Amino acid sequence: MAKSGVDKAASALAAAGGVAHTAFFLMFAWRTHAGEGLLSYFNLVWAALAGVGFLSNFFGWGMVKRNRSRKYGMWGIALSTIIAAVLLVVATW
């Protein structure tokens, strides 16, 4: 079966989301390690959120790729994208 445009877009978004969540996780983990005080705990929370976003992205992409529960796979990729947007705003602080 040929891939539709939506499937191609979801695959591209999932690939970009995987890279983004990996970068956010490493950045916030480094800030946790290098920081001190209360801010290091907030960075730990943001790093954990990046991990959740990565898992949501990974399982969503897997569902879309295997045509199992495609609807929930798309929702997983969308959730990952929302988390990445929040992390992008937080990273600028």
PDB file of N, CA and C in Angstrom:
ATOM      1  N   MET A   1       0.847  -1.172   0.000  1.00  0.00           N
ATOM      2  CA  MET A   1       0.000   0.000   0.000  1.00  0.00           C
ATOM      3  C   MET A   1       0.897   1.241   0.000  1.00  0.00           C
ATOM      4  N   ALA A   2       0.564   2.175  -0.849  1.00  0.00           N
ATOM      5  CA  ALA A   2       1.355   3.406  -0.953  1.00  0.00           C
ATOM      6  C   ALA A   2       1.106   4.303   0.249  1.00  0.00           C
ATOM      7  N   LYS A   3       2.139   5.013   0.624  1.00  0.00           N
ATOM      8  CA  LYS A   3       2.011   5.930   1.754  1.00  0.00           C
ATOM      9  C   LYS A   3       1.283   7.189   1.313  1.00  0.00           C
ATOM     10  N   SER A   4       0.369   7.625   2.140  1.00  0.00           N
ATOM     11  CA  SER A   4      -0.335   8.867   1.842  1.00  0.00           C
ATOM     12  C   SER A   4       0.517  10.058   2.272  1.00  0.00           C
ATOM     13  N   GLY A   5       0.069  11.242   1.898  1.00  0.00           N
ATOM     14  CA  GLY A   5       0.789  12.451   2.284  1.00  0.00           C
ATOM     15  C   GLY A   5       0.820  12.643   3.788  1.00  0.00           C
ATOM     16  N   VAL A   6      -0.251  12.238   4.442  1.00  0.00           N
ATOM     17  CA  VAL A   6      -0.310  12.368   5.904  1.00  0.00           C
ATOM     18  C   VAL A   6       0.706  11.442   6.565  1.00  0.00           C
ATOM     19  N   ASP A   7       0.849  10.243   6.023  1.00  0.00           N
ATOM     20  CA  ASP A   7       1.833   9.306   6.569  1.00  0.00           C
ATOM     21  C   ASP A   7       3.255   9.834   6.395  1.00  0.00           C
ATOM     22  N   LYS A   8       3.527  10.412   5.238  1.00  0.00           N
ATOM     23  CA  LYS A   8       4.859  10.980   5.002  1.00  0.00           C
ATOM     24  C   LYS A   8       5.126  12.161   5.930  1.00  0.00           C
ATOM     25  N   ALA A   9       4.112  12.997   6.119  1.00  0.00           N
ATOM     26  CA  ALA A   9       4.274  14.143   7.021  1.00  0.00           C
ATOM     27  C   ALA A   9       4.473  13.685   8.459  1.00  0.00           C
ATOM     28  N   ALA A  10       3.725  12.672   8.883  1.00  0.00           N
ATOM     29  CA  ALA A  10       3.871  12.147  10.248  1.00  0.00           C
ATOM     30  C   ALA A  10       5.256  11.536  10.448  1.00  0.00           C
ATOM     31  N   SER A  11       5.773  10.846   9.443  1.00  0.00           N
ATOM     32  CA  SER A  11       7.117  10.265   9.555  1.00  0.00           C
ATOM     33  C   SER A  11       8.175  11.353   9.648  1.00  0.00           C
ATOM     34  N   ALA A  12       8.030  12.407   8.851  1.00  0.00           N
ATOM     35  CA  ALA A  12       8.992  13.513   8.905  1.00  0.00           C
ATOM     36  C   ALA A  12       8.927  14.232  10.246  1.00  0.00           C
ATOM     37  N   LEU A  13       7.718  14.459  10.738  1.00  0.00           N
ATOM     38  CA  LEU A  13       7.546  15.124  12.034  1.00  0.00           C
ATOM     39  C   LEU A  13       8.099  14.262  13.167  1.00  0.00           C
ATOM     40  N   ALA A  14       7.901  12.958  13.068  1.00  0.00           N
ATOM     41  CA  ALA A  14       8.431  12.053  14.095  1.00  0.00           C
ATOM     42  C   ALA A  14       9.957  12.043  14.083  1.00  0.00           C
ATOM     43  N   ALA A  15      10.555  12.084  12.906  1.00  0.00           N
ATOM     44  CA  ALA A  15      12.020  12.109  12.827  1.00  0.00           C
ATOM     45  C   ALA A  15      12.570  13.399  13.434  1.00  0.00           C
ATOM     46  N   ALA A  16      11.953  14.517  13.086  1.00  0.00           N
ATOM     47  CA  ALA A  16      12.403  15.796  13.648  1.00  0.00           C
ATOM     48  C   ALA A  16      12.158  15.845  15.154  1.00  0.00           C
ATOM     49  N   GLY A  17      11.039  15.287  15.598  1.00  0.00           N
ATOM     50  CA  GLY A  17      10.736  15.268  17.027  1.00  0.00           C
ATOM     51  C   GLY A  17      11.722  14.425  17.813  1.00  0.00           C
ATOM     52  N   GLY A  18      12.161  13.310  17.236  1.00  0.00           N
ATOM     53  CA  GLY A  18      13.149  12.468  17.909  1.00  0.00           C
ATOM     54  C   GLY A  18      14.466  13.193  18.123  1.00  0.00           C
ATOM     55  N   VAL A  19      14.900  13.912  17.109  1.00  0.00           N
ATOM     56  CA  VAL A  19      16.138  14.688  17.229  1.00  0.00           C
ATOM     57  C   VAL A  19      15.965  15.811  18.258  1.00  0.00           C
ATOM     58  N   ALA A  20      14.831  16.495  18.198  1.00  0.00           N
ATOM     59  CA  ALA A  20      14.589  17.607  19.118  1.00  0.00           C
ATOM     60  C   ALA A  20      14.533  17.128  20.570  1.00  0.00           C
ATOM     61  N   HIS A  21      13.831  16.043  20.830  1.00  0.00           N
ATOM     62  CA  HIS A  21      13.717  15.556  22.205  1.00  0.00           C
ATOM     63  C   HIS A  21      15.059  15.060  22.739  1.00  0.00           C
ATOM     64  N   THR A  22      15.852  14.461  21.875  1.00  0.00           N
ATOM     65  CA  THR A  22      17.191  14.036  22.303  1.00  0.00           C
ATOM     66  C   THR A  22      18.039  15.244  22.685  1.00  0.00           C
ATOM     67  N   ALA A  23      17.981  16.282  21.854  1.00  0.00           N
ATOM     68  CA  ALA A  23      18.747  17.508  22.150  1.00  0.00           C
ATOM     69  C   ALA A  23      18.259  18.168  23.431  1.00  0.00           C
ATOM     70  N   PHE A  24      16.938  18.244  23.620  1.00  0.00           N
ATOM     71  CA  PHE A  24      16.401  18.846  24.843  1.00  0.00           C
ATOM     72  C   PHE A  24      16.789  18.036  26.067  1.00  0.00           C
ATOM     73  N   PHE A  25      16.712  16.705  25.967  1.00  0.00           N
ATOM     74  CA  PHE A  25      17.079  15.870  27.107  1.00  0.00           C
ATOM     75  C   PHE A  25      18.531  16.102  27.503  1.00  0.00           C
ATOM     76  N   LEU A  26      19.423  16.096  26.512  1.00  0.00           N
ATOM     77  CA  LEU A  26      20.840  16.297  26.811  1.00  0.00           C
ATOM     78  C   LEU A  26      21.101  17.688  27.385  1.00  0.00           C
ATOM     79  N   MET A  27      20.422  18.699  26.846  1.00  0.00           N
ATOM     80  CA  MET A  27      20.629  20.062  27.336  1.00  0.00           C
ATOM     81  C   MET A  27      20.166  20.208  28.787  1.00  0.00           C
ATOM     82  N   PHE A  28      18.967  19.714  29.086  1.00  0.00           N
ATOM     83  CA  PHE A  28      18.461  19.847  30.450  1.00  0.00           C
ATOM     84  C   PHE A  28      19.212  18.939  31.422  1.00  0.00           C
ATOM     85  N   ALA A  29      19.665  17.779  30.951  1.00  0.00           N
ATOM     86  CA  ALA A  29      20.477  16.923  31.816  1.00  0.00           C
ATOM     87  C   ALA A  29      21.801  17.605  32.141  1.00  0.00           C
ATOM     88  N   TRP A  30      22.390  18.284  31.155  1.00  0.00           N
ATOM     89  CA  TRP A  30      23.638  19.011  31.407  1.00  0.00           C
ATOM     90  C   TRP A  30      23.399  20.155  32.379  1.00  0.00           C
ATOM     91  N   ARG A  31      22.285  20.872  32.200  1.00  0.00           N
ATOM     92  CA  ARG A  31      21.972  21.969  33.123  1.00  0.00           C
ATOM     93  C   ARG A  31      21.755  21.445  34.539  1.00  0.00           C
ATOM     94  N   THR A  32      21.172  20.254  34.663  1.00  0.00           N
ATOM     95  CA  THR A  32      20.980  19.658  35.987  1.00  0.00           C
ATOM     96  C   THR A  32      22.325  19.334  36.612  1.00  0.00           C
ATOM     97  N   HIS A  33      23.211  18.782  35.819  1.00  0.00           N
ATOM     98  CA  HIS A  33      24.538  18.403  36.310  1.00  0.00           C
ATOM     99  C   HIS A  33      25.385  19.633  36.651  1.00  0.00           C
ATOM    100  N   ALA A  34      25.331  20.648  35.810  1.00  0.00           N
ATOM    101  CA  ALA A  34      26.192  21.819  35.991  1.00  0.00           C
ATOM    102  C   ALA A  34      25.594  22.856  36.937  1.00  0.00           C
ATOM    103  N   GLY A  35      24.284  22.794  37.143  1.00  0.00           N
ATOM    104  CA  GLY A  35      23.625  23.808  37.973  1.00  0.00           C
ATOM    105  C   GLY A  35      23.696  23.489  39.445  1.00  0.00           C
ATOM    106  N   GLU A  36      23.146  24.389  40.211  1.00  0.00           N
ATOM    107  CA  GLU A  36      23.088  24.172  41.648  1.00  0.00           C
ATOM    108  C   GLU A  36      21.823  24.822  42.185  1.00  0.00           C
ATOM    109  N   GLY A  37      21.379  24.351  43.289  1.00  0.00           N
ATOM    110  CA  GLY A  37      20.214  24.926  43.928  1.00  0.00           C
ATOM    111  C   GLY A  37      18.905  24.408  43.347  1.00  0.00           C
ATOM    112  N   LEU A  38      17.880  25.208  43.511  1.00  0.00           N
ATOM    113  CA  LEU A  38      16.522  24.826  43.125  1.00  0.00           C
ATOM    114  C   LEU A  38      16.363  24.682  41.620  1.00  0.00           C
ATOM    115  N   LEU A  39      17.081  25.466  40.840  1.00  0.00           N
ATOM    116  CA  LEU A  39      16.946  25.396  39.392  1.00  0.00           C
ATOM    117  C   LEU A  39      17.371  24.044  38.826  1.00  0.00           C
ATOM    118  N   SER A  40      18.277  23.376  39.477  1.00  0.00           N
ATOM    119  CA  SER A  40      18.696  22.066  38.969  1.00  0.00           C
ATOM    120  C   SER A  40      17.550  21.054  39.074  1.00  0.00           C
ATOM    121  N   TYR A  41      16.676  21.200  40.065  1.00  0.00           N
ATOM    122  CA  TYR A  41      15.524  20.310  40.169  1.00  0.00           C
ATOM    123  C   TYR A  41      14.519  20.585  39.064  1.00  0.00           C
ATOM    124  N   PHE A  42      14.324  21.847  38.719  1.00  0.00           N
ATOM    125  CA  PHE A  42      13.435  22.174  37.600  1.00  0.00           C
ATOM    126  C   PHE A  42      13.986  21.611  36.294  1.00  0.00           C
ATOM    127  N   ASN A  43      15.299  21.699  36.112  1.00  0.00           N
ATOM    128  CA  ASN A  43      15.910  21.151  34.904  1.00  0.00           C
ATOM    129  C   ASN A  43      15.762  19.635  34.844  1.00  0.00           C
ATOM    130  N   LEU A  44      15.771  18.987  35.992  1.00  0.00           N
ATOM    131  CA  LEU A  44      15.550  17.546  36.035  1.00  0.00           C
ATOM    132  C   LEU A  44      14.133  17.209  35.572  1.00  0.00           C
ATOM    133  N   VAL A  45      13.166  18.011  35.983  1.00  0.00           N
ATOM    134  CA  VAL A  45      11.776  17.817  35.552  1.00  0.00           C
ATOM    135  C   VAL A  45      11.660  18.012  34.043  1.00  0.00           C
ATOM    136  N   TRP A  46      12.319  19.043  33.516  1.00  0.00           N
ATOM    137  CA  TRP A  46      12.249  19.293  32.070  1.00  0.00           C
ATOM    138  C   TRP A  46      12.936  18.174  31.298  1.00  0.00           C
ATOM    139  N   ALA A  47      14.015  17.638  31.824  1.00  0.00           N
ATOM    140  CA  ALA A  47      14.693  16.509  31.165  1.00  0.00           C
ATOM    141  C   ALA A  47      13.782  15.278  31.152  1.00  0.00           C
ATOM    142  N   ALA A  48      13.073  15.043  32.247  1.00  0.00           N
ATOM    143  CA  ALA A  48      12.134  13.924  32.298  1.00  0.00           C
ATOM    144  C   ALA A  48      10.993  14.128  31.298  1.00  0.00           C
ATOM    145  N   LEU A  49      10.532  15.362  31.163  1.00  0.00           N
ATOM    146  CA  LEU A  49       9.475  15.663  30.196  1.00  0.00           C
ATOM    147  C   LEU A  49       9.975  15.427  28.768  1.00  0.00           C
ATOM    148  N   ALA A  50      11.235  15.734  28.505  1.00  0.00           N
ATOM    149  CA  ALA A  50      11.812  15.447  27.188  1.00  0.00           C
ATOM    150  C   ALA A  50      11.837  13.943  26.935  1.00  0.00           C
ATOM    151  N   GLY A  51      12.117  13.166  27.970  1.00  0.00           N
ATOM    152  CA  GLY A  51      12.080  11.711  27.836  1.00  0.00           C
ATOM    153  C   GLY A  51      10.681  11.194  27.547  1.00  0.00           C
ATOM    154  N   VAL A  52       9.685  11.760  28.211  1.00  0.00           N
ATOM    155  CA  VAL A  52       8.289  11.380  27.956  1.00  0.00           C
ATOM    156  C   VAL A  52       7.902  11.730  26.519  1.00  0.00           C
ATOM    157  N   GLY A  53       8.322  12.905  26.067  1.00  0.00           N
ATOM    158  CA  GLY A  53       8.039  13.308  24.695  1.00  0.00           C
ATOM    159  C   GLY A  53       8.689  12.378  23.686  1.00  0.00           C
ATOM    160  N   PHE A  54       9.917  11.956  23.963  1.00  0.00           N
ATOM    161  CA  PHE A  54      10.601  11.025  23.069  1.00  0.00           C
ATOM    162  C   PHE A  54       9.856   9.691  22.997  1.00  0.00           C
ATOM    163  N   LEU A  55       9.426   9.186  24.142  1.00  0.00           N
ATOM    164  CA  LEU A  55       8.686   7.916  24.151  1.00  0.00           C
ATOM    165  C   LEU A  55       7.353   8.036  23.427  1.00  0.00           C
ATOM    166  N   SER A  56       6.654   9.139  23.634  1.00  0.00           N
ATOM    167  CA  SER A  56       5.393   9.371  22.938  1.00  0.00           C
ATOM    168  C   SER A  56       5.624   9.415  21.430  1.00  0.00           C
ATOM    169  N   ASN A  57       6.672  10.070  21.027  1.00  0.00           N
ATOM    170  CA  ASN A  57       7.028  10.170  19.615  1.00  0.00           C
ATOM    171  C   ASN A  57       7.371   8.792  19.046  1.00  0.00           C
ATOM    172  N   PHE A  58       8.166   8.039  19.762  1.00  0.00           N
ATOM    173  CA  PHE A  58       8.612   6.728  19.295  1.00  0.00           C
ATOM    174  C   PHE A  58       7.442   5.763  19.130  1.00  0.00           C
ATOM    175  N   PHE A  59       6.593   5.667  20.149  1.00  0.00           N
ATOM    176  CA  PHE A  59       5.469   4.733  20.064  1.00  0.00           C
ATOM    177  C   PHE A  59       4.410   5.216  19.077  1.00  0.00           C
ATOM    178  N   GLY A  60       4.221   6.522  18.975  1.00  0.00           N
ATOM    179  CA  GLY A  60       3.288   7.052  17.976  1.00  0.00           C
ATOM    180  C   GLY A  60       3.748   6.737  16.568  1.00  0.00           C
ATOM    181  N   TRP A  61       5.023   6.937  16.298  1.00  0.00           N
ATOM    182  CA  TRP A  61       5.568   6.639  14.977  1.00  0.00           C
ATOM    183  C   TRP A  61       5.455   5.145  14.674  1.00  0.00           C
ATOM    184  N   GLY A  62       5.697   4.324  15.674  1.00  0.00           N
ATOM    185  CA  GLY A  62       5.577   2.876  15.480  1.00  0.00           C
ATOM    186  C   GLY A  62       4.163   2.459  15.133  1.00  0.00           C
ATOM    187  N   MET A  63       3.178   3.082  15.767  1.00  0.00           N
ATOM    188  CA  MET A  63       1.792   2.751  15.461  1.00  0.00           C
ATOM    189  C   MET A  63       1.408   3.198  14.060  1.00  0.00           C
ATOM    190  N   VAL A  64       1.883   4.351  13.651  1.00  0.00           N
ATOM    191  CA  VAL A  64       1.571   4.842  12.303  1.00  0.00           C
ATOM    192  C   VAL A  64       2.260   3.967  11.261  1.00  0.00           C
ATOM    193  N   LYS A  65       3.498   3.592  11.508  1.00  0.00           N
ATOM    194  CA  LYS A  65       4.259   2.811  10.543  1.00  0.00           C
ATOM    195  C   LYS A  65       3.659   1.431  10.336  1.00  0.00           C
ATOM    196  N   ARG A  66       3.168   0.825  11.380  1.00  0.00           N
ATOM    197  CA  ARG A  66       2.630  -0.532  11.280  1.00  0.00           C
ATOM    198  C   ARG A  66       1.132  -0.562  11.030  1.00  0.00           C
ATOM    199  N   ASN A  67       0.528   0.604  10.814  1.00  0.00           N
ATOM    200  CA  ASN A  67      -0.912   0.722  10.542  1.00  0.00           C
ATOM    201  C   ASN A  67      -1.776   0.132  11.648  1.00  0.00           C
ATOM    202  N   ARG A  68      -1.274   0.168  12.872  1.00  0.00           N
ATOM    203  CA  ARG A  68      -2.067  -0.286  14.022  1.00  0.00           C
ATOM    204  C   ARG A  68      -2.464   0.941  14.816  1.00  0.00           C
ATOM    205  N   SER A  69      -3.719   1.114  14.978  1.00  0.00           N
ATOM    206  CA  SER A  69      -4.227   2.263  15.739  1.00  0.00           C
ATOM    207  C   SER A  69      -3.588   3.560  15.245  1.00  0.00           C
ATOM    208  N   ARG A  70      -3.685   3.786  13.944  1.00  0.00           N
ATOM    209  CA  ARG A  70      -3.060   4.961  13.337  1.00  0.00           C
ATOM    210  C   ARG A  70      -3.530   6.246  14.002  1.00  0.00           C
ATOM    211  N   LYS A  71      -4.798   6.263  14.393  1.00  0.00           N
ATOM    212  CA  LYS A  71      -5.344   7.462  15.030  1.00  0.00           C
ATOM    213  C   LYS A  71      -4.576   7.779  16.311  1.00  0.00           C
ATOM    214  N   TYR A  72      -4.335   6.771  17.127  1.00  0.00           N
ATOM    215  CA  TYR A  72      -3.603   6.994  18.383  1.00  0.00           C
ATOM    216  C   TYR A  72      -2.135   7.289  18.125  1.00  0.00           C
ATOM    217  N   GLY A  73      -1.595   6.734  17.060  1.00  0.00           N
ATOM    218  CA  GLY A  73      -0.230   7.055  16.679  1.00  0.00           C
ATOM    219  C   GLY A  73      -0.082   8.516  16.302  1.00  0.00           C
ATOM    220  N   MET A  74      -1.049   9.027  15.560  1.00  0.00           N
ATOM    221  CA  MET A  74      -1.031  10.456  15.199  1.00  0.00           C
ATOM    222  C   MET A  74      -1.163  11.325  16.448  1.00  0.00           C
ATOM    223  N   TRP A  75      -2.002  10.899  17.378  1.00  0.00           N
ATOM    224  CA  TRP A  75      -2.143  11.651  18.635  1.00  0.00           C
ATOM    225  C   TRP A  75      -0.839  11.620  19.434  1.00  0.00           C
ATOM    226  N   GLY A  76      -0.139  10.505  19.411  1.00  0.00           N
ATOM    227  CA  GLY A  76       1.147  10.408  20.107  1.00  0.00           C
ATOM    228  C   GLY A  76       2.182  11.352  19.509  1.00  0.00           C
ATOM    229  N   ILE A  77       2.224  11.429  18.190  1.00  0.00           N
ATOM    230  CA  ILE A  77       3.158  12.343  17.534  1.00  0.00           C
ATOM    231  C   ILE A  77       2.764  13.789  17.821  1.00  0.00           C
ATOM    232  N   ALA A  78       1.462  14.068  17.835  1.00  0.00           N
ATOM    233  CA  ALA A  78       1.000  15.427  18.143  1.00  0.00           C
ATOM    234  C   ALA A  78       1.346  15.812  19.584  1.00  0.00           C
ATOM    235  N   LEU A  79       1.183  14.887  20.521  1.00  0.00           N
ATOM    236  CA  LEU A  79       1.552  15.150  21.917  1.00  0.00           C
ATOM    237  C   LEU A  79       3.044  15.433  22.026  1.00  0.00           C
ATOM    238  N   SER A  80       3.829  14.662  21.313  1.00  0.00           N
ATOM    239  CA  SER A  80       5.273  14.877  21.312  1.00  0.00           C
ATOM    240  C   SER A  80       5.630  16.260  20.769  1.00  0.00           C
ATOM    241  N   THR A  81       4.936  16.694  19.738  1.00  0.00           N
ATOM    242  CA  THR A  81       5.191  18.011  19.154  1.00  0.00           C
ATOM    243  C   THR A  81       4.819  19.127  20.128  1.00  0.00           C
ATOM    244  N   ILE A  82       3.736  18.959  20.857  1.00  0.00           N
ATOM    245  CA  ILE A  82       3.329  19.957  21.859  1.00  0.00           C
ATOM    246  C   ILE A  82       4.373  20.031  22.974  1.00  0.00           C
ATOM    247  N   ILE A  83       4.846  18.877  23.418  1.00  0.00           N
ATOM    248  CA  ILE A  83       5.873  18.853  24.467  1.00  0.00           C
ATOM    249  C   ILE A  83       7.152  19.528  23.971  1.00  0.00           C
ATOM    250  N   ALA A  84       7.517  19.278  22.715  1.00  0.00           N
ATOM    251  CA  ALA A  84       8.716  19.909  22.154  1.00  0.00           C
ATOM    252  C   ALA A  84       8.556  21.425  22.095  1.00  0.00           C
ATOM    253  N   ALA A  85       7.359  21.905  21.780  1.00  0.00           N
ATOM    254  CA  ALA A  85       7.121  23.350  21.744  1.00  0.00           C
ATOM    255  C   ALA A  85       7.266  23.957  23.139  1.00  0.00           C
ATOM    256  N   VAL A  86       6.739  23.284  24.147  1.00  0.00           N
ATOM    257  CA  VAL A  86       6.867  23.766  25.524  1.00  0.00           C
ATOM    258  C   VAL A  86       8.331  23.784  25.950  1.00  0.00           C
ATOM    259  N   LEU A  87       9.070  22.731  25.620  1.00  0.00           N
ATOM    260  CA  LEU A  87      10.481  22.657  25.983  1.00  0.00           C
ATOM    261  C   LEU A  87      11.306  23.723  25.254  1.00  0.00           C
ATOM    262  N   LEU A  88      10.907  24.052  24.033  1.00  0.00           N
ATOM    263  CA  LEU A  88      11.610  25.107  23.300  1.00  0.00           C
ATOM    264  C   LEU A  88      11.439  26.455  23.989  1.00  0.00           C
ATOM    265  N   VAL A  89      10.232  26.721  24.487  1.00  0.00           N
ATOM    266  CA  VAL A  89       9.984  27.972  25.221  1.00  0.00           C
ATOM    267  C   VAL A  89      10.767  27.980  26.524  1.00  0.00           C
ATOM    268  N   VAL A  90      10.765  26.866  27.244  1.00  0.00           N
ATOM    269  CA  VAL A  90      11.480  26.790  28.524  1.00  0.00           C
ATOM    270  C   VAL A  90      12.988  26.898  28.311  1.00  0.00           C
ATOM    271  N   ALA A  91      13.505  26.346  27.221  1.00  0.00           N
ATOM    272  CA  ALA A  91      14.944  26.371  26.975  1.00  0.00           C
ATOM    273  C   ALA A  91      15.469  27.780  26.756  1.00  0.00           C
ATOM    274  N   THR A  92      14.620  28.700  26.355  1.00  0.00           N
ATOM    275  CA  THR A  92      15.067  30.062  26.099  1.00  0.00           C
ATOM    276  C   THR A  92      15.166  30.884  27.391  1.00  0.00           C
ATOM    277  N   TRP A  93      14.674  30.362  28.498  1.00  0.00           N
ATOM    278  CA  TRP A  93      14.732  31.114  29.763  1.00  0.00           C
ATOM    279  C   TRP A  93      16.103  31.115  30.331  1.00  0.00           C
TER     280      TRP A  93
END
